Amino acid sequence: MTKKCLVTEKGVMAGNNNCYSKKKSRRRFMPNLQSVAIYSEVLEAPVTVRISSTGLRTIEKNGGLDLYLLNTQPSKLSKECKELRDRIAAAKAKKGA
C-alpha cells in the first residue's frame, strides 16, 4: 500500500536529522494518513479511503465526498479518485433516470 493521500497527493518526503554537533543523517517525513470510511450519499454506502487529515478537512469543507469529487476538475484528481468519481456520477445518473 502506498503512503500517499488520495485527495492532496501528499507523499513521503526526505530530509536530514541534525544533532547538536551538526552531523546529518537521512530521515523520512511520513504524511499523516488515516483510514477513514466516508459515507457517500449517492452510492448509499461508506467508502473506505486512506487520506491525510488535511484531505479529510478539504472534503468536509466542500460538503462531503460526493460534492467534492463532482465539483473538482478531473485533472486535479488522482487516478483512484477519478474512478470513484465515475462510480458516483454513474449512480447519480441512474437514480435521476
PDB file of N, CA and C in Angstrom:
ATOM      1  N   MET A   1       0.836  -1.166   0.000  1.00  0.00           N
ATOM      2  CA  MET A   1       0.000   0.000   0.000  1.00  0.00           C
ATOM      3  C   MET A   1       0.889   1.241   0.000  1.00  0.00           C
ATOM      4  N   THR A   2       0.602   2.157  -0.891  1.00  0.00           N
ATOM      5  CA  THR A   2       1.419   3.351  -0.977  1.00  0.00           C
ATOM      6  C   THR A   2       1.120   4.299   0.169  1.00  0.00           C
ATOM      7  N   LYS A   3       2.102   5.077   0.523  1.00  0.00           N
ATOM      8  CA  LYS A   3       1.937   6.058   1.587  1.00  0.00           C
ATOM      9  C   LYS A   3       1.706   7.408   0.939  1.00  0.00           C
ATOM     10  N   LYS A   4       0.521   7.529   0.315  1.00  0.00           N
ATOM     11  CA  LYS A   4       0.179   8.743  -0.407  1.00  0.00           C
ATOM     12  C   LYS A   4      -1.298   9.036  -0.197  1.00  0.00           C
ATOM     13  N   CYS A   5      -1.620  10.284   0.017  1.00  0.00           N
ATOM     14  CA  CYS A   5      -3.008  10.697   0.213  1.00  0.00           C
ATOM     15  C   CYS A   5      -3.731  10.730  -1.130  1.00  0.00           C
ATOM     16  N   LEU A   6      -4.975  10.249  -1.159  1.00  0.00           N
ATOM     17  CA  LEU A   6      -5.744  10.254  -2.404  1.00  0.00           C
ATOM     18  C   LEU A   6      -6.186  11.652  -2.805  1.00  0.00           C
ATOM     19  N   VAL A   7      -6.470  12.497  -1.845  1.00  0.00           N
ATOM     20  CA  VAL A   7      -7.015  13.823  -2.138  1.00  0.00           C
ATOM     21  C   VAL A   7      -5.913  14.833  -2.416  1.00  0.00           C
ATOM     22  N   THR A   8      -4.993  14.995  -1.483  1.00  0.00           N
ATOM     23  CA  THR A   8      -3.957  16.016  -1.632  1.00  0.00           C
ATOM     24  C   THR A   8      -2.713  15.495  -2.326  1.00  0.00           C
ATOM     25  N   GLU A   9      -2.606  14.180  -2.486  1.00  0.00           N
ATOM     26  CA  GLU A   9      -1.459  13.513  -3.099  1.00  0.00           C
ATOM     27  C   GLU A   9      -0.152  13.803  -2.365  1.00  0.00           C
ATOM     28  N   LYS A  10      -0.240  14.050  -1.053  1.00  0.00           N
ATOM     29  CA  LYS A  10       0.962  14.211  -0.248  1.00  0.00           C
ATOM     30  C   LYS A  10       1.605  12.846  -0.083  1.00  0.00           C
ATOM     31  N   GLY A  11       2.916  12.801  -0.166  1.00  0.00           N
ATOM     32  CA  GLY A  11       3.629  11.542  -0.039  1.00  0.00           C
ATOM     33  C   GLY A  11       4.793  11.666   0.926  1.00  0.00           C
ATOM     34  N   VAL A  12       5.654  10.679   0.906  1.00  0.00           N
ATOM     35  CA  VAL A  12       6.813  10.650   1.779  1.00  0.00           C
ATOM     36  C   VAL A  12       7.842  11.659   1.282  1.00  0.00           C
ATOM     37  N   MET A  13       8.389  12.439   2.204  1.00  0.00           N
ATOM     38  CA  MET A  13       9.447  13.392   1.875  1.00  0.00           C
ATOM     39  C   MET A  13      10.718  12.985   2.601  1.00  0.00           C
ATOM     40  N   ALA A  14      11.866  13.391   2.091  1.00  0.00           N
ATOM     41  CA  ALA A  14      13.147  13.064   2.712  1.00  0.00           C
ATOM     42  C   ALA A  14      13.792  14.340   3.230  1.00  0.00           C
ATOM     43  N   GLY A  15      14.606  14.167   4.256  1.00  0.00           N
ATOM     44  CA  GLY A  15      15.302  15.301   4.836  1.00  0.00           C
ATOM     45  C   GLY A  15      16.433  14.825   5.714  1.00  0.00           C
ATOM     46  N   ASN A  16      16.901  15.685   6.609  1.00  0.00           N
ATOM     47  CA  ASN A  16      18.016  15.364   7.481  1.00  0.00           C
ATOM     48  C   ASN A  16      17.626  15.522   8.941  1.00  0.00           C
ATOM     49  N   ASN A  17      18.184  14.665   9.786  1.00  0.00           N
ATOM     50  CA  ASN A  17      18.197  14.877  11.222  1.00  0.00           C
ATOM     51  C   ASN A  17      19.487  15.615  11.532  1.00  0.00           C
ATOM     52  N   ASN A  18      19.413  16.684  12.294  1.00  0.00           N
ATOM     53  CA  ASN A  18      20.601  17.425  12.683  1.00  0.00           C
ATOM     54  C   ASN A  18      20.796  17.276  14.178  1.00  0.00           C
ATOM     55  N   CYS A  19      21.928  16.740  14.583  1.00  0.00           N
ATOM     56  CA  CYS A  19      22.205  16.636  16.005  1.00  0.00           C
ATOM     57  C   CYS A  19      22.921  17.911  16.469  1.00  0.00           C
ATOM     58  N   TYR A  20      23.258  17.944  17.727  1.00  0.00           N
ATOM     59  CA  TYR A  20      23.874  19.132  18.317  1.00  0.00           C
ATOM     60  C   TYR A  20      25.207  19.464  17.652  1.00  0.00           C
ATOM     61  N   SER A  21      25.953  18.435  17.249  1.00  0.00           N
ATOM     62  CA  SER A  21      27.261  18.670  16.619  1.00  0.00           C
ATOM     63  C   SER A  21      27.137  18.950  15.115  1.00  0.00           C
ATOM     64  N   LYS A  22      25.923  19.082  14.644  1.00  0.00           N
ATOM     65  CA  LYS A  22      25.621  19.405  13.232  1.00  0.00           C
ATOM     66  C   LYS A  22      25.931  18.264  12.269  1.00  0.00           C
ATOM     67  N   LYS A  23      26.082  17.036  12.784  1.00  0.00           N
ATOM     68  CA  LYS A  23      26.188  15.886  11.895  1.00  0.00           C
ATOM     69  C   LYS A  23      24.797  15.615  11.338  1.00  0.00           C
ATOM     70  N   LYS A  24      24.749  15.216  10.089  1.00  0.00           N
ATOM     71  CA  LYS A  24      23.462  14.998   9.444  1.00  0.00           C
ATOM     72  C   LYS A  24      23.272  13.527   9.116  1.00  0.00           C
ATOM     73  N   SER A  25      22.080  13.042   9.372  1.00  0.00           N
ATOM     74  CA  SER A  25      21.717  11.681   8.978  1.00  0.00           C
ATOM     75  C   SER A  25      20.364  11.763   8.287  1.00  0.00           C
ATOM     76  N   ARG A  26      20.163  10.929   7.280  1.00  0.00           N
ATOM     77  CA  ARG A  26      18.941  11.000   6.477  1.00  0.00           C
ATOM     78  C   ARG A  26      17.747  10.481   7.257  1.00  0.00           C
ATOM     79  N   ARG A  27      16.585  11.049   6.984  1.00  0.00           N
ATOM     80  CA  ARG A  27      15.345  10.591   7.591  1.00  0.00           C
ATOM     81  C   ARG A  27      14.210  10.784   6.612  1.00  0.00           C
ATOM     82  N   ARG A  28      13.061  10.213   6.943  1.00  0.00           N
ATOM     83  CA  ARG A  28      11.874  10.321   6.090  1.00  0.00           C
ATOM     84  C   ARG A  28      10.764  11.001   6.872  1.00  0.00           C
ATOM     85  N   PHE A  29      10.048  11.896   6.207  1.00  0.00           N
ATOM     86  CA  PHE A  29       8.884  12.550   6.783  1.00  0.00           C
ATOM     87  C   PHE A  29       7.651  11.867   6.205  1.00  0.00           C
ATOM     88  N   MET A  30       6.881  11.190   7.057  1.00  0.00           N
ATOM     89  CA  MET A  30       5.695  10.467   6.612  1.00  0.00           C
ATOM     90  C   MET A  30       4.461  11.377   6.659  1.00  0.00           C
ATOM     91  N   PRO A  31       3.557  11.236   5.705  1.00  0.00           N
ATOM     92  CA  PRO A  31       2.314  12.005   5.775  1.00  0.00           C
ATOM     93  C   PRO A  31       1.399  11.441   6.859  1.00  0.00           C
ATOM     94  N   ASN A  32       0.515  12.272   7.370  1.00  0.00           N
ATOM     95  CA  ASN A  32      -0.413  11.873   8.430  1.00  0.00           C
ATOM     96  C   ASN A  32      -1.625  11.192   7.786  1.00  0.00           C
ATOM     97  N   LEU A  33      -1.473   9.913   7.426  1.00  0.00           N
ATOM     98  CA  LEU A  33      -2.547   9.178   6.748  1.00  0.00           C
ATOM     99  C   LEU A  33      -3.467   8.502   7.751  1.00  0.00           C
ATOM    100  N   GLN A  34      -4.745   8.542   7.454  1.00  0.00           N
ATOM    101  CA  GLN A  34      -5.767   7.912   8.284  1.00  0.00           C
ATOM    102  C   GLN A  34      -6.639   7.044   7.382  1.00  0.00           C
ATOM    103  N   SER A  35      -7.033   5.878   7.882  1.00  0.00           N
ATOM    104  CA  SER A  35      -8.012   5.052   7.175  1.00  0.00           C
ATOM    105  C   SER A  35      -9.391   5.486   7.655  1.00  0.00           C
ATOM    106  N   VAL A  36     -10.178   6.029   6.750  1.00  0.00           N
ATOM    107  CA  VAL A  36     -11.461   6.609   7.103  1.00  0.00           C
ATOM    108  C   VAL A  36     -12.549   6.044   6.196  1.00  0.00           C
ATOM    109  N   ALA A  37     -13.691   5.743   6.776  1.00  0.00           N
ATOM    110  CA  ALA A  37     -14.858   5.349   5.989  1.00  0.00           C
ATOM    111  C   ALA A  37     -15.756   6.571   5.850  1.00  0.00           C
ATOM    112  N   ILE A  38     -15.817   7.130   4.654  1.00  0.00           N
ATOM    113  CA  ILE A  38     -16.614   8.324   4.389  1.00  0.00           C
ATOM    114  C   ILE A  38     -17.890   7.883   3.692  1.00  0.00           C
ATOM    115  N   TYR A  39     -19.022   8.350   4.205  1.00  0.00           N
ATOM    116  CA  TYR A  39     -20.308   7.944   3.653  1.00  0.00           C
ATOM    117  C   TYR A  39     -20.599   8.710   2.364  1.00  0.00           C
ATOM    118  N   SER A  40     -20.952   7.961   1.324  1.00  0.00           N
ATOM    119  CA  SER A  40     -21.349   8.545   0.046  1.00  0.00           C
ATOM    120  C   SER A  40     -22.865   8.484  -0.047  1.00  0.00           C
ATOM    121  N   GLU A  41     -23.501   9.644  -0.170  1.00  0.00           N
ATOM    122  CA  GLU A  41     -24.963   9.697  -0.230  1.00  0.00           C
ATOM    123  C   GLU A  41     -25.498   9.124  -1.536  1.00  0.00           C
ATOM    124  N   VAL A  42     -24.759   9.297  -2.616  1.00  0.00           N
ATOM    125  CA  VAL A  42     -25.213   8.803  -3.914  1.00  0.00           C
ATOM    126  C   VAL A  42     -25.106   7.283  -3.970  1.00  0.00           C
ATOM    127  N   LEU A  43     -23.971   6.745  -3.497  1.00  0.00           N
ATOM    128  CA  LEU A  43     -23.781   5.294  -3.504  1.00  0.00           C
ATOM    129  C   LEU A  43     -24.521   4.614  -2.358  1.00  0.00           C
ATOM    130  N   GLU A  44     -24.934   5.398  -1.365  1.00  0.00           N
ATOM    131  CA  GLU A  44     -25.622   4.911  -0.166  1.00  0.00           C
ATOM    132  C   GLU A  44     -24.801   3.855   0.553  1.00  0.00           C
ATOM    133  N   ALA A  45     -23.494   4.074   0.639  1.00  0.00           N
ATOM    134  CA  ALA A  45     -22.593   3.147   1.311  1.00  0.00           C
ATOM    135  C   ALA A  45     -21.343   3.907   1.736  1.00  0.00           C
ATOM    136  N   PRO A  46     -20.689   3.426   2.791  1.00  0.00           N
ATOM    137  CA  PRO A  46     -19.417   4.059   3.165  1.00  0.00           C
ATOM    138  C   PRO A  46     -18.298   3.634   2.218  1.00  0.00           C
ATOM    139  N   VAL A  47     -17.407   4.551   1.939  1.00  0.00           N
ATOM    140  CA  VAL A  47     -16.259   4.298   1.081  1.00  0.00           C
ATOM    141  C   VAL A  47     -15.015   4.416   1.949  1.00  0.00           C
ATOM    142  N   THR A  48     -14.223   3.356   2.044  1.00  0.00           N
ATOM    143  CA  THR A  48     -13.021   3.368   2.864  1.00  0.00           C
ATOM    144  C   THR A  48     -11.841   3.866   2.043  1.00  0.00           C
ATOM    145  N   VAL A  49     -11.205   4.916   2.529  1.00  0.00           N
ATOM    146  CA  VAL A  49     -10.063   5.509   1.841  1.00  0.00           C
ATOM    147  C   VAL A  49      -8.964   5.813   2.854  1.00  0.00           C
ATOM    148  N   ARG A  50      -7.727   5.917   2.354  1.00  0.00           N
ATOM    149  CA  ARG A  50      -6.610   6.368   3.184  1.00  0.00           C
ATOM    150  C   ARG A  50      -6.253   7.769   2.736  1.00  0.00           C
ATOM    151  N   ILE A  51      -6.589   8.736   3.594  1.00  0.00           N
ATOM    152  CA  ILE A  51      -6.320  10.132   3.259  1.00  0.00           C
ATOM    153  C   ILE A  51      -5.648  10.813   4.439  1.00  0.00           C
ATOM    154  N   SER A  52      -5.011  11.929   4.147  1.00  0.00           N
ATOM    155  CA  SER A  52      -4.377  12.701   5.208  1.00  0.00           C
ATOM    156  C   SER A  52      -5.445  13.514   5.936  1.00  0.00           C
ATOM    157  N   SER A  53      -5.077  14.015   7.098  1.00  0.00           N
ATOM    158  CA  SER A  53      -6.029  14.812   7.863  1.00  0.00           C
ATOM    159  C   SER A  53      -6.379  16.091   7.118  1.00  0.00           C
ATOM    160  N   THR A  54      -5.438  16.624   6.355  1.00  0.00           N
ATOM    161  CA  THR A  54      -5.719  17.807   5.538  1.00  0.00           C
ATOM    162  C   THR A  54      -6.723  17.480   4.431  1.00  0.00           C
ATOM    163  N   GLY A  55      -6.586  16.312   3.833  1.00  0.00           N
ATOM    164  CA  GLY A  55      -7.530  15.877   2.802  1.00  0.00           C
ATOM    165  C   GLY A  55      -8.928  15.691   3.358  1.00  0.00           C
ATOM    166  N   LEU A  56      -9.023  15.168   4.580  1.00  0.00           N
ATOM    167  CA  LEU A  56     -10.318  14.996   5.225  1.00  0.00           C
ATOM    168  C   LEU A  56     -10.979  16.342   5.475  1.00  0.00           C
ATOM    169  N   ARG A  57     -10.203  17.319   5.912  1.00  0.00           N
ATOM    170  CA  ARG A  57     -10.745  18.666   6.124  1.00  0.00           C
ATOM    171  C   ARG A  57     -11.200  19.288   4.803  1.00  0.00           C
ATOM    172  N   THR A  58     -10.490  19.023   3.728  1.00  0.00           N
ATOM    173  CA  THR A  58     -10.867  19.542   2.410  1.00  0.00           C
ATOM    174  C   THR A  58     -12.204  18.966   1.968  1.00  0.00           C
ATOM    175  N   ILE A  59     -12.390  17.662   2.180  1.00  0.00           N
ATOM    176  CA  ILE A  59     -13.649  17.017   1.808  1.00  0.00           C
ATOM    177  C   ILE A  59     -14.807  17.577   2.629  1.00  0.00           C
ATOM    178  N   GLU A  60     -14.604  17.733   3.930  1.00  0.00           N
ATOM    179  CA  GLU A  60     -15.665  18.258   4.794  1.00  0.00           C
ATOM    180  C   GLU A  60     -16.002  19.704   4.437  1.00  0.00           C
ATOM    181  N   LYS A  61     -14.995  20.489   4.074  1.00  0.00           N
ATOM    182  CA  LYS A  61     -15.211  21.888   3.714  1.00  0.00           C
ATOM    183  C   LYS A  61     -16.064  22.009   2.454  1.00  0.00           C
ATOM    184  N   ASN A  62     -15.897  21.081   1.521  1.00  0.00           N
ATOM    185  CA  ASN A  62     -16.621  21.132   0.253  1.00  0.00           C
ATOM    186  C   ASN A  62     -17.976  20.436   0.293  1.00  0.00           C
ATOM    187  N   GLY A  63     -18.430  20.000   1.454  1.00  0.00           N
ATOM    188  CA  GLY A  63     -19.779  19.466   1.565  1.00  0.00           C
ATOM    189  C   GLY A  63     -19.891  17.957   1.460  1.00  0.00           C
ATOM    190  N   GLY A  64     -18.832  17.234   1.642  1.00  0.00           N
ATOM    191  CA  GLY A  64     -18.897  15.774   1.593  1.00  0.00           C
ATOM    192  C   GLY A  64     -18.145  15.214   0.401  1.00  0.00           C
ATOM    193  N   LEU A  65     -18.032  13.902   0.400  1.00  0.00           N
ATOM    194  CA  LEU A  65     -17.246  13.215  -0.623  1.00  0.00           C
ATOM    195  C   LEU A  65     -17.839  13.390  -2.017  1.00  0.00           C
ATOM    196  N   ASP A  66     -19.158  13.234  -2.127  1.00  0.00           N
ATOM    197  CA  ASP A  66     -19.798  13.320  -3.442  1.00  0.00           C
ATOM    198  C   ASP A  66     -19.625  14.702  -4.066  1.00  0.00           C
ATOM    199  N   LEU A  67     -19.924  15.736  -3.307  1.00  0.00           N
ATOM    200  CA  LEU A  67     -19.807  17.097  -3.844  1.00  0.00           C
ATOM    201  C   LEU A  67     -18.362  17.455  -4.160  1.00  0.00           C
ATOM    202  N   TYR A  68     -17.436  17.007  -3.313  1.00  0.00           N
ATOM    203  CA  TYR A  68     -16.020  17.303  -3.576  1.00  0.00           C
ATOM    204  C   TYR A  68     -15.572  16.685  -4.893  1.00  0.00           C
ATOM    205  N   LEU A  69     -15.879  15.415  -5.093  1.00  0.00           N
ATOM    206  CA  LEU A  69     -15.414  14.735  -6.306  1.00  0.00           C
ATOM    207  C   LEU A  69     -16.106  15.253  -7.557  1.00  0.00           C
ATOM    208  N   LEU A  70     -17.402  15.562  -7.471  1.00  0.00           N
ATOM    209  CA  LEU A  70     -18.126  16.014  -8.659  1.00  0.00           C
ATOM    210  C   LEU A  70     -17.803  17.460  -9.028  1.00  0.00           C
ATOM    211  N   ASN A  71     -17.427  18.287  -8.046  1.00  0.00           N
ATOM    212  CA  ASN A  71     -17.143  19.697  -8.327  1.00  0.00           C
ATOM    213  C   ASN A  71     -15.681  19.982  -8.628  1.00  0.00           C
ATOM    214  N   THR A  72     -14.795  19.026  -8.370  1.00  0.00           N
ATOM    215  CA  THR A  72     -13.371  19.208  -8.636  1.00  0.00           C
ATOM    216  C   THR A  72     -13.058  18.780 -10.068  1.00  0.00           C
ATOM    217  N   GLN A  73     -12.177  19.521 -10.719  1.00  0.00           N
ATOM    218  CA  GLN A  73     -11.789  19.184 -12.084  1.00  0.00           C
ATOM    219  C   GLN A  73     -11.082  17.833 -12.106  1.00  0.00           C
ATOM    220  N   PRO A  74     -11.396  16.987 -13.084  1.00  0.00           N
ATOM    221  CA  PRO A  74     -10.759  15.661 -13.145  1.00  0.00           C
ATOM    222  C   PRO A  74      -9.235  15.711 -13.264  1.00  0.00           C
ATOM    223  N   SER A  75      -8.698  16.771 -13.834  1.00  0.00           N
ATOM    224  CA  SER A  75      -7.245  16.867 -13.979  1.00  0.00           C
ATOM    225  C   SER A  75      -6.546  17.050 -12.634  1.00  0.00           C
ATOM    226  N   LYS A  76      -7.292  17.509 -11.612  1.00  0.00           N
ATOM    227  CA  LYS A  76      -6.707  17.726 -10.286  1.00  0.00           C
ATOM    228  C   LYS A  76      -6.885  16.521  -9.367  1.00  0.00           C
ATOM    229  N   LEU A  77      -7.542  15.466  -9.841  1.00  0.00           N
ATOM    230  CA  LEU A  77      -7.798  14.288  -9.010  1.00  0.00           C
ATOM    231  C   LEU A  77      -6.812  13.173  -9.324  1.00  0.00           C
ATOM    232  N   SER A  78      -6.563  12.328  -8.331  1.00  0.00           N
ATOM    233  CA  SER A  78      -5.714  11.163  -8.544  1.00  0.00           C
ATOM    234  C   SER A  78      -6.495  10.098  -9.313  1.00  0.00           C
ATOM    235  N   LYS A  79      -5.809   9.063  -9.742  1.00  0.00           N
ATOM    236  CA  LYS A  79      -6.433   8.007 -10.544  1.00  0.00           C
ATOM    237  C   LYS A  79      -7.560   7.323  -9.770  1.00  0.00           C
ATOM    238  N   GLU A  80      -7.316   7.030  -8.485  1.00  0.00           N
ATOM    239  CA  GLU A  80      -8.336   6.366  -7.661  1.00  0.00           C
ATOM    240  C   GLU A  80      -9.549   7.255  -7.460  1.00  0.00           C
ATOM    241  N   CYS A  81      -9.306   8.554  -7.285  1.00  0.00           N
ATOM    242  CA  CYS A  81     -10.421   9.498  -7.115  1.00  0.00           C
ATOM    243  C   CYS A  81     -11.236   9.636  -8.400  1.00  0.00           C
ATOM    244  N   LYS A  82     -10.567   9.566  -9.554  1.00  0.00           N
ATOM    245  CA  LYS A  82     -11.285   9.633 -10.824  1.00  0.00           C
ATOM    246  C   LYS A  82     -12.197   8.429 -10.991  1.00  0.00           C
ATOM    247  N   GLU A  83     -11.710   7.242 -10.603  1.00  0.00           N
ATOM    248  CA  GLU A  83     -12.536   6.038 -10.692  1.00  0.00           C
ATOM    249  C   GLU A  83     -13.736   6.131  -9.757  1.00  0.00           C
ATOM    250  N   LEU A  84     -13.522   6.635  -8.556  1.00  0.00           N
ATOM    251  CA  LEU A  84     -14.612   6.819  -7.602  1.00  0.00           C
ATOM    252  C   LEU A  84     -15.597   7.866  -8.095  1.00  0.00           C
ATOM    253  N   ARG A  85     -15.080   8.919  -8.721  1.00  0.00           N
ATOM    254  CA  ARG A  85     -15.937   9.962  -9.287  1.00  0.00           C
ATOM    255  C   ARG A  85     -16.826   9.387 -10.390  1.00  0.00           C
ATOM    256  N   ASP A  86     -16.265   8.514 -11.235  1.00  0.00           N
ATOM    257  CA  ASP A  86     -17.044   7.889 -12.302  1.00  0.00           C
ATOM    258  C   ASP A  86     -18.151   7.010 -11.729  1.00  0.00           C
ATOM    259  N   ARG A  87     -17.836   6.264 -10.653  1.00  0.00           N
ATOM    260  CA  ARG A  87     -18.858   5.428  -9.999  1.00  0.00           C
ATOM    261  C   ARG A  87     -19.993   6.284  -9.452  1.00  0.00           C
ATOM    262  N   ILE A  88     -19.637   7.401  -8.826  1.00  0.00           N
ATOM    263  CA  ILE A  88     -20.646   8.286  -8.236  1.00  0.00           C
ATOM    264  C   ILE A  88     -21.484   8.935  -9.325  1.00  0.00           C
ATOM    265  N   ALA A  89     -20.844   9.378 -10.407  1.00  0.00           N
ATOM    266  CA  ALA A  89     -21.579  10.014 -11.499  1.00  0.00           C
ATOM    267  C   ALA A  89     -22.537   9.029 -12.173  1.00  0.00           C
ATOM    268  N   ALA A  90     -22.106   7.763 -12.335  1.00  0.00           N
ATOM    269  CA  ALA A  90     -22.965   6.748 -12.941  1.00  0.00           C
ATOM    270  C   ALA A  90     -24.147   6.431 -12.039  1.00  0.00           C
ATOM    271  N   ALA A  91     -23.907   6.336 -10.735  1.00  0.00           N
ATOM    272  CA  ALA A  91     -25.002   6.053  -9.795  1.00  0.00           C
ATOM    273  C   ALA A  91     -25.971   7.227  -9.730  1.00  0.00           C
ATOM    274  N   LYS A  92     -25.458   8.446  -9.826  1.00  0.00           N
ATOM    275  CA  LYS A  92     -26.325   9.627  -9.801  1.00  0.00           C
ATOM    276  C   LYS A  92     -27.186   9.692 -11.047  1.00  0.00           C
ATOM    277  N   ALA A  93     -26.593   9.350 -12.213  1.00  0.00           N
ATOM    278  CA  ALA A  93     -27.354   9.349 -13.460  1.00  0.00           C
ATOM    279  C   ALA A  93     -28.414   8.247 -13.447  1.00  0.00           C
ATOM    280  N   LYS A  94     -28.090   7.108 -12.841  1.00  0.00           N
ATOM    281  CA  LYS A  94     -29.038   6.001 -12.766  1.00  0.00           C
ATOM    282  C   LYS A  94     -30.210   6.359 -11.859  1.00  0.00           C
ATOM    283  N   LYS A  95     -29.946   7.068 -10.761  1.00  0.00           N
ATOM    284  CA  LYS A  95     -31.018   7.490  -9.861  1.00  0.00           C
ATOM    285  C   LYS A  95     -31.909   8.549 -10.514  1.00  0.00           C
ATOM    286  N   GLY A  96     -31.280   9.418 -11.300  1.00  0.00           N
ATOM    287  CA  GLY A  96     -32.031  10.501 -11.944  1.00  0.00           C
ATOM    288  C   GLY A  96     -32.929  10.016 -13.069  1.00  0.00           C
ATOM    289  N   ALA A  97     -32.589   8.889 -13.665  1.00  0.00           N
ATOM    290  CA  ALA A  97     -33.360   8.391 -14.819  1.00  0.00           C
ATOM    291  C   ALA A  97     -34.595   7.633 -14.411  1.00  0.00           C
TER     292      ALA A  97
END
